[in-house]
Amino acid sequence: MVHLKLQFLIVLIVLENFTFAGPQKIHLSVYYESKCPDSKLFILNQLLPAFHLLHDYLKLSLIPFGKARSINYGDGGFECQHGSAECLGNIVQDCSLHQMKGQSDKKKLAYVVCEMHTEAASQGRFDCVERSNLSTEHVEKCVTSGEGIVLQLESEYYTGLVNPKFVPTVTINGEFNQEIQDYAQVDLIGTLCSLLIDSQPCGRYYNYIALNNLMNTSPRNTH
């Protein structure tokens, strides 16, 4: 009995002095454009549910630039794939995300989801900025000053390192992989779960898929 108590005490001491590491995180970067239909579909239908399920396992970077290009290092503005409205949307999002630098990825994504759903920024409106409790004055000043240009030039630089052939483009831990890119467009959760095999959310997700498939193929549902 004394021996068992001693073992139990040792276990308690070990647990008290053991620091449990959090889950290993994947750094997911998304390169997109404010008025791109494919970017909108991806962010709303793939990224949002994937982040909702796997937020504990993800570090998210959102880069609003895509296939735009600077003119004379930004002195002549920017040229965007979907016109000048997209350039405005990109710079508003960059300024807003910069203002949210100390906030959670969840709040940043909620802001971008709002912008992609409403396209408010590309229309010169600050609806999503206000909903995110950001200072419209600060965002507007950023957009109309050199600060916004600098932020877009930074986004152009990082986007150029990836050199996307398709927008949106994703990278995992800073690396581009065409197979991951292709699968991510249609099943981001499955793509991420293939890299997070032992995570509980992925286990529950696959169990749900398996059960759903089983129910749909049961004899009572066949004709």
C-alpha atoms as a PDB file:
ATOM      1  CA  MET A   1       0.000   0.000   0.000  1.00  0.00           C
ATOM      2  CA  VAL A   2       2.846   2.362   0.902  1.00  0.00           C
ATOM      3  CA  HIS A   3       4.547   1.405  -2.377  1.00  0.00           C
ATOM      4  CA  LEU A   4       1.402   2.298  -4.385  1.00  0.00           C
ATOM      5  CA  LYS A   5       1.090   5.650  -2.582  1.00  0.00           C
ATOM      6  CA  LEU A   6       4.717   6.409  -3.382  1.00  0.00           C
ATOM      7  CA  GLN A   7       4.168   5.610  -7.080  1.00  0.00           C
ATOM      8  CA  PHE A   8       1.080   7.842  -7.137  1.00  0.00           C
ATOM      9  CA  LEU A   9       3.036  10.694  -5.507  1.00  0.00           C
ATOM     10  CA  ILE A  10       5.819  10.367  -8.086  1.00  0.00           C
ATOM     11  CA  VAL A  11       3.257  10.524 -10.926  1.00  0.00           C
ATOM     12  CA  LEU A  12       1.747  13.703  -9.443  1.00  0.00           C
ATOM     13  CA  ILE A  13       5.158  15.350  -9.143  1.00  0.00           C
ATOM     14  CA  VAL A  14       6.025  14.439 -12.737  1.00  0.00           C
ATOM     15  CA  LEU A  15       2.704  15.823 -14.006  1.00  0.00           C
ATOM     16  CA  GLU A  16       3.130  19.059 -12.064  1.00  0.00           C
ATOM     17  CA  ASN A  17       6.539  19.659 -13.606  1.00  0.00           C
ATOM     18  CA  PHE A  18       5.636  18.549 -17.125  1.00  0.00           C
ATOM     19  CA  THR A  19       4.680  21.235 -19.612  1.00  0.00           C
ATOM     20  CA  PHE A  20       2.123  19.955 -22.085  1.00  0.00           C
ATOM     21  CA  ALA A  21       2.948  21.205 -25.562  1.00  0.00           C
ATOM     22  CA  GLY A  22       0.038  22.504 -27.602  1.00  0.00           C
ATOM     23  CA  PRO A  23      -0.918  20.931 -30.900  1.00  0.00           C
ATOM     24  CA  GLN A  24       1.558  21.277 -33.738  1.00  0.00           C
ATOM     25  CA  LYS A  25       0.379  24.087 -35.997  1.00  0.00           C
ATOM     26  CA  ILE A  26       0.373  24.336 -39.755  1.00  0.00           C
ATOM     27  CA  HIS A  27       1.109  27.777 -41.176  1.00  0.00           C
ATOM     28  CA  LEU A  28      -1.499  28.235 -43.901  1.00  0.00           C
ATOM     29  CA  SER A  29      -1.024  31.246 -46.183  1.00  0.00           C
ATOM     30  CA  VAL A  30      -3.768  32.324 -48.587  1.00  0.00           C
ATOM     31  CA  TYR A  31      -2.968  34.599 -51.522  1.00  0.00           C
ATOM     32  CA  TYR A  32      -6.181  36.078 -52.898  1.00  0.00           C
ATOM     33  CA  GLU A  33      -7.874  39.084 -54.537  1.00  0.00           C
ATOM     34  CA  SER A  34     -10.734  41.187 -53.141  1.00  0.00           C
ATOM     35  CA  LYS A  35     -13.045  40.844 -56.166  1.00  0.00           C
ATOM     36  CA  CYS A  36     -11.938  37.474 -57.501  1.00  0.00           C
ATOM     37  CA  PRO A  37     -14.905  35.046 -57.742  1.00  0.00           C
ATOM     38  CA  ASP A  38     -12.634  32.046 -57.119  1.00  0.00           C
ATOM     39  CA  SER A  39     -11.146  33.762 -54.057  1.00  0.00           C
ATOM     40  CA  LYS A  40     -14.631  34.460 -52.733  1.00  0.00           C
ATOM     41  CA  LEU A  41     -15.772  30.843 -53.190  1.00  0.00           C
ATOM     42  CA  PHE A  42     -12.607  29.481 -51.596  1.00  0.00           C
ATOM     43  CA  ILE A  43     -12.675  31.757 -48.559  1.00  0.00           C
ATOM     44  CA  LEU A  44     -16.387  31.294 -47.878  1.00  0.00           C
ATOM     45  CA  ASN A  45     -16.777  27.604 -48.764  1.00  0.00           C
ATOM     46  CA  GLN A  46     -13.355  26.115 -47.989  1.00  0.00           C
ATOM     47  CA  LEU A  47     -11.296  28.311 -45.677  1.00  0.00           C
ATOM     48  CA  LEU A  48     -14.064  29.338 -43.271  1.00  0.00           C
ATOM     49  CA  PRO A  49     -15.288  25.791 -42.426  1.00  0.00           C
ATOM     50  CA  ALA A  50     -11.715  24.456 -42.366  1.00  0.00           C
ATOM     51  CA  PHE A  51     -10.616  27.117 -39.898  1.00  0.00           C
ATOM     52  CA  HIS A  52     -13.748  26.569 -37.811  1.00  0.00           C
ATOM     53  CA  LEU A  53     -12.837  22.889 -37.472  1.00  0.00           C
ATOM     54  CA  LEU A  54      -9.055  23.154 -37.213  1.00  0.00           C
ATOM     55  CA  HIS A  55      -8.334  26.577 -35.702  1.00  0.00           C
ATOM     56  CA  ASP A  56      -6.278  25.046 -32.885  1.00  0.00           C
ATOM     57  CA  TYR A  57      -3.951  23.551 -35.492  1.00  0.00           C
ATOM     58  CA  LEU A  58      -3.618  26.500 -37.864  1.00  0.00           C
ATOM     59  CA  LYS A  59      -1.654  29.718 -38.068  1.00  0.00           C
ATOM     60  CA  LEU A  60      -3.237  31.830 -40.788  1.00  0.00           C
ATOM     61  CA  SER A  61      -1.774  34.479 -43.090  1.00  0.00           C
ATOM     62  CA  LEU A  62      -4.052  36.382 -45.467  1.00  0.00           C
ATOM     63  CA  ILE A  63      -2.409  38.242 -48.366  1.00  0.00           C
ATOM     64  CA  PRO A  64      -4.771  40.351 -50.529  1.00  0.00           C
ATOM     65  CA  PHE A  65      -2.893  40.973 -53.778  1.00  0.00           C
ATOM     66  CA  GLY A  66      -3.042  38.064 -56.223  1.00  0.00           C
ATOM     67  CA  LYS A  67      -2.165  38.915 -59.819  1.00  0.00           C
ATOM     68  CA  ALA A  68      -2.043  42.667 -59.272  1.00  0.00           C
ATOM     69  CA  ARG A  69       1.119  44.612 -60.048  1.00  0.00           C
ATOM     70  CA  SER A  70       2.571  47.889 -58.862  1.00  0.00           C
ATOM     71  CA  ILE A  71       3.234  50.730 -61.306  1.00  0.00           C
ATOM     72  CA  ASN A  72       6.542  52.517 -60.786  1.00  0.00           C
ATOM     73  CA  TYR A  73       6.987  50.947 -57.328  1.00  0.00           C
ATOM     74  CA  GLY A  74       3.536  52.136 -56.259  1.00  0.00           C
ATOM     75  CA  ASP A  75       4.005  55.777 -57.247  1.00  0.00           C
ATOM     76  CA  GLY A  76       1.633  55.144 -60.150  1.00  0.00           C
ATOM     77  CA  GLY A  77      -0.700  53.011 -58.065  1.00  0.00           C
ATOM     78  CA  PHE A  78      -1.538  49.401 -58.871  1.00  0.00           C
ATOM     79  CA  GLU A  79      -3.074  47.478 -61.718  1.00  0.00           C
ATOM     80  CA  CYS A  80      -5.413  44.674 -60.688  1.00  0.00           C
ATOM     81  CA  GLN A  81      -6.863  41.676 -62.473  1.00  0.00           C
ATOM     82  CA  HIS A  82     -10.478  42.722 -61.800  1.00  0.00           C
ATOM     83  CA  GLY A  83     -10.074  46.461 -62.207  1.00  0.00           C
ATOM     84  CA  SER A  84      -9.530  49.504 -60.013  1.00  0.00           C
ATOM     85  CA  ALA A  85     -12.280  48.493 -57.569  1.00  0.00           C
ATOM     86  CA  GLU A  86     -10.267  45.395 -56.735  1.00  0.00           C
ATOM     87  CA  CYS A  87      -7.169  47.524 -56.109  1.00  0.00           C
ATOM     88  CA  LEU A  88      -9.202  49.557 -53.623  1.00  0.00           C
ATOM     89  CA  GLY A  89     -10.529  46.412 -51.966  1.00  0.00           C
ATOM     90  CA  ASN A  90      -7.029  44.942 -51.697  1.00  0.00           C
ATOM     91  CA  ILE A  91      -5.559  48.029 -50.066  1.00  0.00           C
ATOM     92  CA  VAL A  92      -8.469  48.458 -47.626  1.00  0.00           C
ATOM     93  CA  GLN A  93      -8.112  44.821 -46.552  1.00  0.00           C
ATOM     94  CA  ASP A  94      -4.343  45.160 -46.195  1.00  0.00           C
ATOM     95  CA  CYS A  95      -4.748  48.281 -44.048  1.00  0.00           C
ATOM     96  CA  SER A  96      -7.436  46.645 -41.916  1.00  0.00           C
ATOM     97  CA  LEU A  97      -5.474  43.426 -41.429  1.00  0.00           C
ATOM     98  CA  HIS A  98      -2.438  45.500 -40.461  1.00  0.00           C
ATOM     99  CA  GLN A  99      -4.532  47.304 -37.847  1.00  0.00           C
ATOM    100  CA  MET A 100      -5.630  43.880 -36.571  1.00  0.00           C
ATOM    101  CA  LYS A 101      -2.019  42.711 -36.228  1.00  0.00           C
ATOM    102  CA  GLY A 102      -2.372  41.920 -32.530  1.00  0.00           C
ATOM    103  CA  GLN A 103      -5.754  40.223 -32.857  1.00  0.00           C
ATOM    104  CA  SER A 104      -6.563  36.545 -33.317  1.00  0.00           C
ATOM    105  CA  ASP A 105      -6.633  34.761 -36.654  1.00  0.00           C
ATOM    106  CA  LYS A 106     -10.311  34.073 -35.972  1.00  0.00           C
ATOM    107  CA  LYS A 107     -11.109  37.803 -35.926  1.00  0.00           C
ATOM    108  CA  LYS A 108      -8.971  38.478 -38.992  1.00  0.00           C
ATOM    109  CA  LEU A 109     -10.722  35.753 -40.943  1.00  0.00           C
ATOM    110  CA  ALA A 110     -14.136  37.011 -39.805  1.00  0.00           C
ATOM    111  CA  TYR A 111     -13.220  40.430 -41.186  1.00  0.00           C
ATOM    112  CA  VAL A 112     -12.046  39.028 -44.540  1.00  0.00           C
ATOM    113  CA  VAL A 113     -15.131  36.804 -44.793  1.00  0.00           C
ATOM    114  CA  CYS A 114     -17.278  39.907 -44.332  1.00  0.00           C
ATOM    115  CA  GLU A 115     -15.372  41.754 -47.071  1.00  0.00           C
ATOM    116  CA  MET A 116     -15.521  38.843 -49.513  1.00  0.00           C
ATOM    117  CA  HIS A 117     -19.232  38.339 -48.859  1.00  0.00           C
ATOM    118  CA  THR A 118     -20.254  42.003 -49.172  1.00  0.00           C
ATOM    119  CA  GLU A 119     -17.429  43.413 -51.360  1.00  0.00           C
ATOM    120  CA  ALA A 120     -17.856  46.559 -49.251  1.00  0.00           C
ATOM    121  CA  ALA A 121     -14.209  47.645 -49.378  1.00  0.00           C
ATOM    122  CA  SER A 122     -14.032  47.483 -53.172  1.00  0.00           C
ATOM    123  CA  GLN A 123     -17.091  49.745 -53.246  1.00  0.00           C
ATOM    124  CA  GLY A 124     -15.434  52.300 -50.978  1.00  0.00           C
ATOM    125  CA  ARG A 125     -17.535  51.357 -47.946  1.00  0.00           C
ATOM    126  CA  PHE A 126     -16.243  50.568 -44.456  1.00  0.00           C
ATOM    127  CA  ASP A 127     -19.090  48.298 -43.294  1.00  0.00           C
ATOM    128  CA  CYS A 128     -16.792  45.370 -42.442  1.00  0.00           C
ATOM    129  CA  VAL A 129     -14.183  47.665 -40.896  1.00  0.00           C
ATOM    130  CA  GLU A 130     -16.853  48.965 -38.519  1.00  0.00           C
ATOM    131  CA  ARG A 131     -18.218  45.484 -37.799  1.00  0.00           C
ATOM    132  CA  SER A 132     -14.715  44.438 -36.778  1.00  0.00           C
ATOM    133  CA  ASN A 133     -14.536  47.376 -34.347  1.00  0.00           C
ATOM    134  CA  LEU A 134     -11.660  48.953 -36.252  1.00  0.00           C
ATOM    135  CA  SER A 135     -11.078  52.665 -36.597  1.00  0.00           C
ATOM    136  CA  THR A 136     -12.444  53.742 -39.980  1.00  0.00           C
ATOM    137  CA  GLU A 137     -10.413  56.933 -39.599  1.00  0.00           C
ATOM    138  CA  HIS A 138      -7.169  54.989 -39.244  1.00  0.00           C
ATOM    139  CA  VAL A 139      -8.013  52.627 -42.106  1.00  0.00           C
ATOM    140  CA  GLU A 140      -8.977  55.501 -44.392  1.00  0.00           C
ATOM    141  CA  LYS A 141      -5.785  57.374 -43.511  1.00  0.00           C
ATOM    142  CA  CYS A 142      -3.766  54.223 -44.255  1.00  0.00           C
ATOM    143  CA  VAL A 143      -5.497  53.805 -47.627  1.00  0.00           C
ATOM    144  CA  THR A 144      -4.964  57.402 -48.725  1.00  0.00           C
ATOM    145  CA  SER A 145      -1.407  57.743 -47.428  1.00  0.00           C
ATOM    146  CA  GLY A 146       1.866  56.059 -48.249  1.00  0.00           C
ATOM    147  CA  GLU A 147       1.263  53.455 -45.538  1.00  0.00           C
ATOM    148  CA  GLY A 148      -1.271  51.569 -47.647  1.00  0.00           C
ATOM    149  CA  ILE A 149       1.052  51.605 -50.644  1.00  0.00           C
ATOM    150  CA  VAL A 150       3.876  50.170 -48.535  1.00  0.00           C
ATOM    151  CA  LEU A 151       1.591  47.396 -47.265  1.00  0.00           C
ATOM    152  CA  GLN A 152       0.551  46.507 -50.819  1.00  0.00           C
ATOM    153  CA  LEU A 153       4.181  46.511 -51.952  1.00  0.00           C
ATOM    154  CA  GLU A 154       4.934  44.060 -49.122  1.00  0.00           C
ATOM    155  CA  SER A 155       2.032  41.891 -50.248  1.00  0.00           C
ATOM    156  CA  GLU A 156       3.313  42.090 -53.811  1.00  0.00           C
ATOM    157  CA  TYR A 157       6.763  40.973 -52.649  1.00  0.00           C
ATOM    158  CA  TYR A 158       5.483  37.956 -50.710  1.00  0.00           C
ATOM    159  CA  THR A 159       3.060  37.024 -53.478  1.00  0.00           C
ATOM    160  CA  GLY A 160       5.916  37.254 -55.974  1.00  0.00           C
ATOM    161  CA  LEU A 161       7.886  34.660 -53.997  1.00  0.00           C
ATOM    162  CA  VAL A 162       5.070  32.203 -54.659  1.00  0.00           C
ATOM    163  CA  ASN A 163       4.374  33.487 -58.203  1.00  0.00           C
ATOM    164  CA  PRO A 164       0.798  32.149 -58.296  1.00  0.00           C
ATOM    165  CA  LYS A 165      -0.531  30.818 -61.593  1.00  0.00           C
ATOM    166  CA  PHE A 166      -4.017  30.640 -60.109  1.00  0.00           C
ATOM    167  CA  VAL A 167      -5.782  32.809 -57.535  1.00  0.00           C
ATOM    168  CA  PRO A 168      -6.403  31.918 -54.774  1.00  0.00           C
ATOM    169  CA  THR A 169      -3.162  30.103 -54.027  1.00  0.00           C
ATOM    170  CA  VAL A 170      -2.271  28.428 -50.731  1.00  0.00           C
ATOM    171  CA  THR A 171       1.052  27.485 -49.212  1.00  0.00           C
ATOM    172  CA  ILE A 172       1.764  25.212 -46.256  1.00  0.00           C
ATOM    173  CA  ASN A 173       4.559  26.342 -43.938  1.00  0.00           C
ATOM    174  CA  GLY A 174       5.791  28.689 -46.634  1.00  0.00           C
ATOM    175  CA  GLU A 175       6.079  25.985 -49.297  1.00  0.00           C
ATOM    176  CA  PHE A 176       4.023  25.714 -52.472  1.00  0.00           C
ATOM    177  CA  ASN A 177       2.974  22.257 -53.621  1.00  0.00           C
ATOM    178  CA  GLN A 178       0.827  21.882 -56.746  1.00  0.00           C
ATOM    179  CA  GLU A 179      -0.931  18.745 -55.505  1.00  0.00           C
ATOM    180  CA  ILE A 180      -1.868  20.418 -52.221  1.00  0.00           C
ATOM    181  CA  GLN A 181      -2.946  23.515 -54.148  1.00  0.00           C
ATOM    182  CA  ASP A 182      -5.255  21.491 -56.405  1.00  0.00           C
ATOM    183  CA  TYR A 183      -6.841  19.458 -53.611  1.00  0.00           C
ATOM    184  CA  ALA A 184      -7.225  22.496 -51.345  1.00  0.00           C
ATOM    185  CA  GLN A 185      -9.510  24.204 -53.860  1.00  0.00           C
ATOM    186  CA  VAL A 186     -12.117  21.443 -53.575  1.00  0.00           C
ATOM    187  CA  ASP A 187     -11.470  19.930 -50.112  1.00  0.00           C
ATOM    188  CA  LEU A 188      -9.357  22.084 -47.825  1.00  0.00           C
ATOM    189  CA  ILE A 189     -10.413  20.176 -44.710  1.00  0.00           C
ATOM    190  CA  GLY A 190      -9.358  16.865 -46.244  1.00  0.00           C
ATOM    191  CA  THR A 191      -6.107  18.406 -47.491  1.00  0.00           C
ATOM    192  CA  LEU A 192      -5.204  19.740 -44.045  1.00  0.00           C
ATOM    193  CA  CYS A 193      -6.332  16.565 -42.290  1.00  0.00           C
ATOM    194  CA  SER A 194      -3.980  14.551 -44.510  1.00  0.00           C
ATOM    195  CA  LEU A 195      -1.212  16.520 -42.755  1.00  0.00           C
ATOM    196  CA  LEU A 196      -2.857  16.329 -39.310  1.00  0.00           C
ATOM    197  CA  ILE A 197      -3.557  12.612 -39.245  1.00  0.00           C
ATOM    198  CA  ASP A 198      -3.602  12.251 -35.453  1.00  0.00           C
ATOM    199  CA  SER A 199      -5.678  15.321 -34.648  1.00  0.00           C
ATOM    200  CA  GLN A 200      -9.000  14.715 -32.883  1.00  0.00           C
ATOM    201  CA  PRO A 201     -11.044  17.108 -35.089  1.00  0.00           C
ATOM    202  CA  CYS A 202      -9.894  15.247 -38.206  1.00  0.00           C
ATOM    203  CA  GLY A 203     -10.760  11.914 -36.598  1.00  0.00           C
ATOM    204  CA  ARG A 204     -14.263  13.156 -35.778  1.00  0.00           C
ATOM    205  CA  TYR A 205     -14.606  14.631 -39.265  1.00  0.00           C
ATOM    206  CA  TYR A 206     -13.684  11.374 -41.000  1.00  0.00           C
ATOM    207  CA  ASN A 207     -15.926   9.384 -38.658  1.00  0.00           C
ATOM    208  CA  TYR A 208     -18.795  11.697 -39.595  1.00  0.00           C
ATOM    209  CA  ILE A 209     -18.039  11.272 -43.321  1.00  0.00           C
ATOM    210  CA  ALA A 210     -17.845   7.482 -42.959  1.00  0.00           C
ATOM    211  CA  LEU A 211     -21.105   7.336 -40.992  1.00  0.00           C
ATOM    212  CA  ASN A 212     -22.837   9.628 -43.466  1.00  0.00           C
ATOM    213  CA  ASN A 213     -21.679   7.467 -46.390  1.00  0.00           C
ATOM    214  CA  LEU A 214     -22.811   4.339 -44.570  1.00  0.00           C
ATOM    215  CA  MET A 215     -26.271   5.803 -43.939  1.00  0.00           C
ATOM    216  CA  ASN A 216     -26.607   6.900 -47.558  1.00  0.00           C
ATOM    217  CA  THR A 217     -25.687   3.458 -48.888  1.00  0.00           C
ATOM    218  CA  SER A 218     -27.751   1.425 -46.403  1.00  0.00           C
ATOM    219  CA  PRO A 219     -30.308  -1.046 -47.950  1.00  0.00           C
ATOM    220  CA  ARG A 220     -33.303   1.103 -46.980  1.00  0.00           C
ATOM    221  CA  ASN A 221     -31.945   3.946 -49.126  1.00  0.00           C
ATOM    222  CA  THR A 222     -31.366   1.802 -52.198  1.00  0.00           C
ATOM    223  CA  HIS A 223     -33.981   1.291 -54.906  1.00  0.00           C
END
